[in-house]
Amino acid sequence: MTLLTAWPWFGALAALVMIFWVASGDRRKASDPWWWLVLLLPVYVLHQFEEHGIDARGHVYAFRAALCDTLHQPQATCPADEAFICAVNVGGVWLAGALAAFASRRRDVAGVAILGVPFVNGVVHIAAAVRERAYNPGLLTAIALLVPYAVVTMRLFFRARVVLARRTLPVIVVGGVLLHVVLLAGLMLFSRGSISRPAMLALQVANGALPFVLGRIFLRAAPTE
């Protein structure tokens, strides 16, 4: 195990501590959507552990092998190497989670757009399982954590009229979809020699800010009555 593959264990431990710290606070905050937005990162990190730590079949670091199979690439030469996986997850996803926590503290409605990251990722896992009629690394936490968390948090924001559902939901979904599109596009461009490896890794890290940027551009607070 190297530093590029040890992060899921450190992340999972930190996620459990963070969830315990948040949950041990004022229970009345559980109805506050901003309180839930702070949980985006630890919830997602637990999902990452099933993907890149130990999956439901007991396989270690299983997601990379599944991704390389999807790309029809042998693992030895697959462009989705350990550095790519680390850049996507520790760089991009953790950046998105940190921006969600920042938005929660500032009550910045742009943070609501970041809910598309767990929602779309969870849907992708479930759709792949239905299509292949087989388990994929991350499926259980996609069903039990990602999608329920995103749906509950979105509903709280909509019910509290922090943002308007009909205007905000498309931004949430588009933000999550675009993040995944950029992720794969960067990988494909690198595999074809169109961009360098450092540029591809930097793109994956910066990609984590994409939903927040979209939220800043397109989301506005709901008008007060």
C-alpha atoms as a PDB file:
ATOM      1  CA  MET A   1       0.000   0.000   0.000  1.00  0.00           C
ATOM      2  CA  THR A   2       1.286   3.461  -0.939  1.00  0.00           C
ATOM      3  CA  LEU A   3       0.142   6.978  -0.115  1.00  0.00           C
ATOM      4  CA  LEU A   4      -1.812   6.954  -3.387  1.00  0.00           C
ATOM      5  CA  THR A   5      -3.863   3.972  -2.197  1.00  0.00           C
ATOM      6  CA  ALA A   6      -3.926   4.522   1.595  1.00  0.00           C
ATOM      7  CA  TRP A   7      -6.167   7.606   1.481  1.00  0.00           C
ATOM      8  CA  PRO A   8      -9.501   5.680   1.647  1.00  0.00           C
ATOM      9  CA  TRP A   9      -8.650   4.350   5.122  1.00  0.00           C
ATOM     10  CA  PHE A  10      -7.551   7.735   6.466  1.00  0.00           C
ATOM     11  CA  GLY A  11     -10.553   9.358   4.816  1.00  0.00           C
ATOM     12  CA  ALA A  12     -13.050   6.866   6.254  1.00  0.00           C
ATOM     13  CA  LEU A  13     -11.696   7.369   9.764  1.00  0.00           C
ATOM     14  CA  ALA A  14     -11.867  11.145   9.409  1.00  0.00           C
ATOM     15  CA  ALA A  15     -15.401  10.868   7.965  1.00  0.00           C
ATOM     16  CA  LEU A  16     -16.636   8.848  10.955  1.00  0.00           C
ATOM     17  CA  VAL A  17     -15.118  11.375  13.363  1.00  0.00           C
ATOM     18  CA  MET A  18     -16.706  14.260  11.443  1.00  0.00           C
ATOM     19  CA  ILE A  19     -20.133  12.607  11.349  1.00  0.00           C
ATOM     20  CA  PHE A  20     -19.943  11.929  15.092  1.00  0.00           C
ATOM     21  CA  TRP A  21     -18.881  15.533  15.738  1.00  0.00           C
ATOM     22  CA  VAL A  22     -21.709  16.974  13.629  1.00  0.00           C
ATOM     23  CA  ALA A  23     -24.325  14.568  15.005  1.00  0.00           C
ATOM     24  CA  SER A  24     -23.317  15.205  18.609  1.00  0.00           C
ATOM     25  CA  GLY A  25     -24.259  18.862  18.326  1.00  0.00           C
ATOM     26  CA  ASP A  26     -27.663  20.415  18.711  1.00  0.00           C
ATOM     27  CA  ARG A  27     -30.160  17.809  17.449  1.00  0.00           C
ATOM     28  CA  ARG A  28     -32.575  20.578  16.500  1.00  0.00           C
ATOM     29  CA  LYS A  29     -30.236  21.498  13.670  1.00  0.00           C
ATOM     30  CA  ALA A  30     -31.217  18.286  11.872  1.00  0.00           C
ATOM     31  CA  SER A  31     -34.094  20.177  10.249  1.00  0.00           C
ATOM     32  CA  ASP A  32     -31.686  22.842   8.955  1.00  0.00           C
ATOM     33  CA  PRO A  33     -30.614  22.117   5.357  1.00  0.00           C
ATOM     34  CA  TRP A  34     -27.315  23.958   5.896  1.00  0.00           C
ATOM     35  CA  TRP A  35     -26.481  21.470   8.675  1.00  0.00           C
ATOM     36  CA  TRP A  36     -26.946  18.647   6.173  1.00  0.00           C
ATOM     37  CA  LEU A  37     -24.730  20.301   3.578  1.00  0.00           C
ATOM     38  CA  VAL A  38     -21.754  19.932   5.941  1.00  0.00           C
ATOM     39  CA  LEU A  39     -22.284  16.157   5.820  1.00  0.00           C
ATOM     40  CA  LEU A  40     -21.730  15.950   2.061  1.00  0.00           C
ATOM     41  CA  LEU A  41     -18.007  15.267   2.366  1.00  0.00           C
ATOM     42  CA  PRO A  42     -18.067  12.583   5.106  1.00  0.00           C
ATOM     43  CA  VAL A  43     -21.001  10.798   3.460  1.00  0.00           C
ATOM     44  CA  TYR A  44     -19.171  10.758   0.142  1.00  0.00           C
ATOM     45  CA  VAL A  45     -15.913   9.601   1.752  1.00  0.00           C
ATOM     46  CA  LEU A  46     -17.674   6.547   3.207  1.00  0.00           C
ATOM     47  CA  HIS A  47     -18.875   5.793  -0.327  1.00  0.00           C
ATOM     48  CA  GLN A  48     -15.304   6.168  -1.577  1.00  0.00           C
ATOM     49  CA  PHE A  49     -14.179   3.562   0.942  1.00  0.00           C
ATOM     50  CA  GLU A  50     -16.447   0.963  -0.676  1.00  0.00           C
ATOM     51  CA  GLU A  51     -15.034   1.934  -4.066  1.00  0.00           C
ATOM     52  CA  HIS A  52     -11.346   2.210  -3.243  1.00  0.00           C
ATOM     53  CA  GLY A  53     -10.937   0.643   0.192  1.00  0.00           C
ATOM     54  CA  ILE A  54     -12.795  -2.648   0.655  1.00  0.00           C
ATOM     55  CA  ASP A  55     -15.898  -3.349  -1.399  1.00  0.00           C
ATOM     56  CA  ALA A  56     -18.878  -5.510  -0.445  1.00  0.00           C
ATOM     57  CA  ARG A  57     -17.167  -8.615  -1.852  1.00  0.00           C
ATOM     58  CA  GLY A  58     -14.070  -8.063   0.252  1.00  0.00           C
ATOM     59  CA  HIS A  59     -11.943  -6.902  -2.664  1.00  0.00           C
ATOM     60  CA  VAL A  60      -9.384  -4.165  -2.004  1.00  0.00           C
ATOM     61  CA  TYR A  61      -9.105  -1.126  -4.304  1.00  0.00           C
ATOM     62  CA  ALA A  62     -11.667  -2.692  -6.616  1.00  0.00           C
ATOM     63  CA  PHE A  63     -13.052   0.362  -8.415  1.00  0.00           C
ATOM     64  CA  ARG A  64      -9.950   0.958 -10.537  1.00  0.00           C
ATOM     65  CA  ALA A  65     -10.098  -2.559 -11.956  1.00  0.00           C
ATOM     66  CA  ALA A  66     -13.797  -2.116 -12.774  1.00  0.00           C
ATOM     67  CA  LEU A  67     -13.132   1.246 -14.438  1.00  0.00           C
ATOM     68  CA  CYS A  68     -10.287  -0.148 -16.547  1.00  0.00           C
ATOM     69  CA  ASP A  69     -12.546  -3.010 -17.629  1.00  0.00           C
ATOM     70  CA  THR A  70     -15.181  -0.452 -18.653  1.00  0.00           C
ATOM     71  CA  LEU A  71     -12.527   1.399 -20.666  1.00  0.00           C
ATOM     72  CA  HIS A  72     -11.409  -1.935 -22.202  1.00  0.00           C
ATOM     73  CA  GLN A  73      -7.893  -1.299 -20.967  1.00  0.00           C
ATOM     74  CA  PRO A  74      -5.516  -3.749 -19.232  1.00  0.00           C
ATOM     75  CA  GLN A  75      -4.695  -2.535 -15.726  1.00  0.00           C
ATOM     76  CA  ALA A  76      -0.978  -2.377 -16.476  1.00  0.00           C
ATOM     77  CA  THR A  77      -1.470   0.303 -19.132  1.00  0.00           C
ATOM     78  CA  CYS A  78      -4.836   1.744 -18.104  1.00  0.00           C
ATOM     79  CA  PRO A  79      -4.752   5.572 -18.046  1.00  0.00           C
ATOM     80  CA  ALA A  80      -6.896   5.505 -14.896  1.00  0.00           C
ATOM     81  CA  ASP A  81      -3.884   4.839 -12.698  1.00  0.00           C
ATOM     82  CA  GLU A  82      -3.516   5.349  -8.938  1.00  0.00           C
ATOM     83  CA  ALA A  83      -2.571   9.011  -9.382  1.00  0.00           C
ATOM     84  CA  PHE A  84      -5.709   9.604 -11.467  1.00  0.00           C
ATOM     85  CA  ILE A  85      -7.921   7.918  -8.870  1.00  0.00           C
ATOM     86  CA  CYS A  86      -6.309  10.001  -6.108  1.00  0.00           C
ATOM     87  CA  ALA A  87      -6.639  13.247  -8.075  1.00  0.00           C
ATOM     88  CA  VAL A  88     -10.328  12.619  -8.745  1.00  0.00           C
ATOM     89  CA  ASN A  89     -11.241  11.599  -5.211  1.00  0.00           C
ATOM     90  CA  VAL A  90      -8.846  13.385  -2.856  1.00  0.00           C
ATOM     91  CA  GLY A  91      -8.523  16.377  -5.145  1.00  0.00           C
ATOM     92  CA  GLY A  92     -11.813  16.881  -6.955  1.00  0.00           C
ATOM     93  CA  VAL A  93     -14.393  15.266  -4.683  1.00  0.00           C
ATOM     94  CA  TRP A  94     -12.840  16.473  -1.434  1.00  0.00           C
ATOM     95  CA  LEU A  95     -12.614  19.977  -2.912  1.00  0.00           C
ATOM     96  CA  ALA A  96     -16.339  19.815  -3.724  1.00  0.00           C
ATOM     97  CA  GLY A  97     -17.052  18.675  -0.161  1.00  0.00           C
ATOM     98  CA  ALA A  98     -14.918  21.448   1.303  1.00  0.00           C
ATOM     99  CA  LEU A  99     -16.772  24.006  -0.831  1.00  0.00           C
ATOM    100  CA  ALA A 100     -20.087  22.570   0.410  1.00  0.00           C
ATOM    101  CA  ALA A 101     -18.949  23.077   4.009  1.00  0.00           C
ATOM    102  CA  PHE A 102     -17.755  26.590   3.141  1.00  0.00           C
ATOM    103  CA  ALA A 103     -21.107  27.384   1.529  1.00  0.00           C
ATOM    104  CA  SER A 104     -22.919  26.021   4.577  1.00  0.00           C
ATOM    105  CA  ARG A 105     -20.974  28.296   6.893  1.00  0.00           C
ATOM    106  CA  ARG A 106     -21.631  31.324   4.671  1.00  0.00           C
ATOM    107  CA  ARG A 107     -25.172  30.193   3.762  1.00  0.00           C
ATOM    108  CA  ASP A 108     -24.171  30.604   0.139  1.00  0.00           C
ATOM    109  CA  VAL A 109     -26.864  29.111  -2.113  1.00  0.00           C
ATOM    110  CA  ALA A 110     -24.199  28.151  -4.672  1.00  0.00           C
ATOM    111  CA  GLY A 111     -23.393  25.230  -2.388  1.00  0.00           C
ATOM    112  CA  VAL A 112     -26.758  23.631  -3.140  1.00  0.00           C
ATOM    113  CA  ALA A 113     -25.523  22.841  -6.667  1.00  0.00           C
ATOM    114  CA  ILE A 114     -22.865  20.528  -5.181  1.00  0.00           C
ATOM    115  CA  LEU A 115     -25.606  18.084  -4.164  1.00  0.00           C
ATOM    116  CA  GLY A 116     -25.571  16.958  -7.785  1.00  0.00           C
ATOM    117  CA  VAL A 117     -22.223  15.251  -7.208  1.00  0.00           C
ATOM    118  CA  PRO A 118     -23.467  12.525  -4.810  1.00  0.00           C
ATOM    119  CA  PHE A 119     -26.862  12.320  -6.533  1.00  0.00           C
ATOM    120  CA  VAL A 120     -25.568  11.763 -10.066  1.00  0.00           C
ATOM    121  CA  ASN A 121     -22.773   9.465  -8.906  1.00  0.00           C
ATOM    122  CA  GLY A 122     -25.258   7.345  -6.983  1.00  0.00           C
ATOM    123  CA  VAL A 123     -27.596   7.146  -9.986  1.00  0.00           C
ATOM    124  CA  VAL A 124     -24.668   6.115 -12.225  1.00  0.00           C
ATOM    125  CA  HIS A 125     -23.786   3.247  -9.874  1.00  0.00           C
ATOM    126  CA  ILE A 126     -27.399   2.065  -9.718  1.00  0.00           C
ATOM    127  CA  ALA A 127     -27.919   2.349 -13.483  1.00  0.00           C
ATOM    128  CA  ALA A 128     -24.730   0.377 -14.134  1.00  0.00           C
ATOM    129  CA  ALA A 129     -25.871  -2.360 -11.749  1.00  0.00           C
ATOM    130  CA  VAL A 130     -29.270  -2.579 -13.460  1.00  0.00           C
ATOM    131  CA  ARG A 131     -27.685  -2.645 -16.917  1.00  0.00           C
ATOM    132  CA  GLU A 132     -25.078  -5.277 -16.040  1.00  0.00           C
ATOM    133  CA  ARG A 133     -27.272  -7.102 -13.525  1.00  0.00           C
ATOM    134  CA  ALA A 134     -24.251  -7.232 -11.257  1.00  0.00           C
ATOM    135  CA  TYR A 135     -22.683  -5.529  -8.271  1.00  0.00           C
ATOM    136  CA  ASN A 136     -20.157  -2.752  -8.862  1.00  0.00           C
ATOM    137  CA  PRO A 137     -17.764  -1.282  -6.246  1.00  0.00           C
ATOM    138  CA  GLY A 138     -19.655   1.502  -4.474  1.00  0.00           C
ATOM    139  CA  LEU A 139     -23.165   0.250  -5.255  1.00  0.00           C
ATOM    140  CA  LEU A 140     -24.290  -0.409  -1.667  1.00  0.00           C
ATOM    141  CA  THR A 141     -23.294   3.012  -0.369  1.00  0.00           C
ATOM    142  CA  ALA A 142     -24.736   4.621  -3.505  1.00  0.00           C
ATOM    143  CA  ILE A 143     -28.104   3.094  -2.584  1.00  0.00           C
ATOM    144  CA  ALA A 144     -27.860   3.487   1.191  1.00  0.00           C
ATOM    145  CA  LEU A 145     -26.007   6.802   1.472  1.00  0.00           C
ATOM    146  CA  LEU A 146     -25.460   8.936  -1.623  1.00  0.00           C
ATOM    147  CA  VAL A 147     -28.898   9.064  -3.218  1.00  0.00           C
ATOM    148  CA  PRO A 148     -30.887   9.213   0.065  1.00  0.00           C
ATOM    149  CA  TYR A 149     -28.561  11.899   1.441  1.00  0.00           C
ATOM    150  CA  ALA A 150     -28.836  14.040  -1.702  1.00  0.00           C
ATOM    151  CA  VAL A 151     -32.622  13.655  -1.951  1.00  0.00           C
ATOM    152  CA  VAL A 152     -33.248  14.430   1.741  1.00  0.00           C
ATOM    153  CA  THR A 153     -30.972  17.480   1.675  1.00  0.00           C
ATOM    154  CA  MET A 154     -32.468  18.818  -1.546  1.00  0.00           C
ATOM    155  CA  ARG A 155     -35.983  18.433  -0.140  1.00  0.00           C
ATOM    156  CA  LEU A 156     -34.991  20.323   2.998  1.00  0.00           C
ATOM    157  CA  PHE A 157     -33.632  23.204   0.923  1.00  0.00           C
ATOM    158  CA  PHE A 158     -36.751  23.279  -1.231  1.00  0.00           C
ATOM    159  CA  ARG A 159     -39.178  23.011   1.706  1.00  0.00           C
ATOM    160  CA  ALA A 160     -37.363  25.781   3.550  1.00  0.00           C
ATOM    161  CA  ARG A 161     -37.578  27.851   0.356  1.00  0.00           C
ATOM    162  CA  VAL A 162     -33.890  28.623   0.476  1.00  0.00           C
ATOM    163  CA  VAL A 163     -33.966  28.031  -3.264  1.00  0.00           C
ATOM    164  CA  LEU A 164     -36.801  27.268  -5.678  1.00  0.00           C
ATOM    165  CA  ALA A 165     -37.037  23.624  -6.743  1.00  0.00           C
ATOM    166  CA  ARG A 166     -37.994  24.163 -10.385  1.00  0.00           C
ATOM    167  CA  ARG A 167     -35.096  26.553 -10.951  1.00  0.00           C
ATOM    168  CA  THR A 168     -32.518  24.762  -8.850  1.00  0.00           C
ATOM    169  CA  LEU A 169     -33.004  21.070  -9.644  1.00  0.00           C
ATOM    170  CA  PRO A 170     -31.750  21.385 -13.250  1.00  0.00           C
ATOM    171  CA  VAL A 171     -28.598  23.163 -12.014  1.00  0.00           C
ATOM    172  CA  ILE A 172     -27.994  20.427  -9.430  1.00  0.00           C
ATOM    173  CA  VAL A 173     -28.350  17.649 -11.992  1.00  0.00           C
ATOM    174  CA  VAL A 174     -26.378  19.424 -14.719  1.00  0.00           C
ATOM    175  CA  GLY A 175     -23.565  20.195 -12.275  1.00  0.00           C
ATOM    176  CA  GLY A 176     -23.273  16.533 -11.278  1.00  0.00           C
ATOM    177  CA  VAL A 177     -23.436  15.334 -14.883  1.00  0.00           C
ATOM    178  CA  LEU A 178     -20.858  17.860 -16.117  1.00  0.00           C
ATOM    179  CA  LEU A 179     -18.432  16.871 -13.364  1.00  0.00           C
ATOM    180  CA  HIS A 180     -18.575  13.253 -14.550  1.00  0.00           C
ATOM    181  CA  VAL A 181     -18.314  14.298 -18.212  1.00  0.00           C
ATOM    182  CA  VAL A 182     -15.213  16.416 -17.554  1.00  0.00           C
ATOM    183  CA  LEU A 183     -13.717  13.566 -15.518  1.00  0.00           C
ATOM    184  CA  LEU A 184     -14.020  11.098 -18.399  1.00  0.00           C
ATOM    185  CA  ALA A 185     -13.165  13.676 -21.070  1.00  0.00           C
ATOM    186  CA  GLY A 186      -9.894  14.521 -19.317  1.00  0.00           C
ATOM    187  CA  LEU A 187      -9.029  10.835 -19.109  1.00  0.00           C
ATOM    188  CA  MET A 188      -9.829  10.288 -22.800  1.00  0.00           C
ATOM    189  CA  LEU A 189      -7.836  13.339 -23.909  1.00  0.00           C
ATOM    190  CA  PHE A 190      -4.826  12.105 -21.953  1.00  0.00           C
ATOM    191  CA  SER A 191      -5.106   8.563 -23.331  1.00  0.00           C
ATOM    192  CA  ARG A 192      -5.112  10.018 -26.866  1.00  0.00           C
ATOM    193  CA  GLY A 193      -2.086  12.210 -26.158  1.00  0.00           C
ATOM    194  CA  SER A 194      -4.034  15.466 -26.478  1.00  0.00           C
ATOM    195  CA  ILE A 195      -3.057  16.711 -23.007  1.00  0.00           C
ATOM    196  CA  SER A 196      -0.167  15.918 -20.683  1.00  0.00           C
ATOM    197  CA  ARG A 197      -0.487  13.789 -17.567  1.00  0.00           C
ATOM    198  CA  PRO A 198       0.044  16.760 -15.184  1.00  0.00           C
ATOM    199  CA  ALA A 199      -2.640  18.715 -17.069  1.00  0.00           C
ATOM    200  CA  MET A 200      -5.046  15.776 -16.834  1.00  0.00           C
ATOM    201  CA  LEU A 201      -4.458  15.419 -13.076  1.00  0.00           C
ATOM    202  CA  ALA A 202      -4.815  19.178 -12.517  1.00  0.00           C
ATOM    203  CA  LEU A 203      -8.075  19.118 -14.472  1.00  0.00           C
ATOM    204  CA  GLN A 204      -9.468  16.380 -12.221  1.00  0.00           C
ATOM    205  CA  VAL A 205      -8.694  18.403  -9.098  1.00  0.00           C
ATOM    206  CA  ALA A 206     -10.117  21.654 -10.486  1.00  0.00           C
ATOM    207  CA  ASN A 207     -13.191  19.752 -11.664  1.00  0.00           C
ATOM    208  CA  GLY A 208     -14.381  19.563  -8.061  1.00  0.00           C
ATOM    209  CA  ALA A 209     -15.149  23.290  -8.120  1.00  0.00           C
ATOM    210  CA  LEU A 210     -17.335  23.063 -11.236  1.00  0.00           C
ATOM    211  CA  PRO A 211     -20.726  22.548  -9.493  1.00  0.00           C
ATOM    212  CA  PHE A 212     -20.029  25.401  -7.070  1.00  0.00           C
ATOM    213  CA  VAL A 213     -19.099  27.712  -9.954  1.00  0.00           C
ATOM    214  CA  LEU A 214     -22.311  26.783 -11.763  1.00  0.00           C
ATOM    215  CA  GLY A 215     -24.218  27.486  -8.580  1.00  0.00           C
ATOM    216  CA  ARG A 216     -22.621  30.910  -8.309  1.00  0.00           C
ATOM    217  CA  ILE A 217     -23.657  31.700 -11.863  1.00  0.00           C
ATOM    218  CA  PHE A 218     -27.174  30.282 -11.981  1.00  0.00           C
ATOM    219  CA  LEU A 219     -28.561  29.952  -8.439  1.00  0.00           C
ATOM    220  CA  ARG A 220     -30.277  32.700  -6.519  1.00  0.00           C
ATOM    221  CA  ALA A 221     -31.923  32.677  -3.113  1.00  0.00           C
ATOM    222  CA  ALA A 222     -35.678  32.219  -3.199  1.00  0.00           C
ATOM    223  CA  PRO A 223     -37.601  35.484  -2.775  1.00  0.00           C
ATOM    224  CA  THR A 224     -38.834  36.048   0.757  1.00  0.00           C
ATOM    225  CA  GLU A 225     -42.556  36.340   1.290  1.00  0.00           C
END
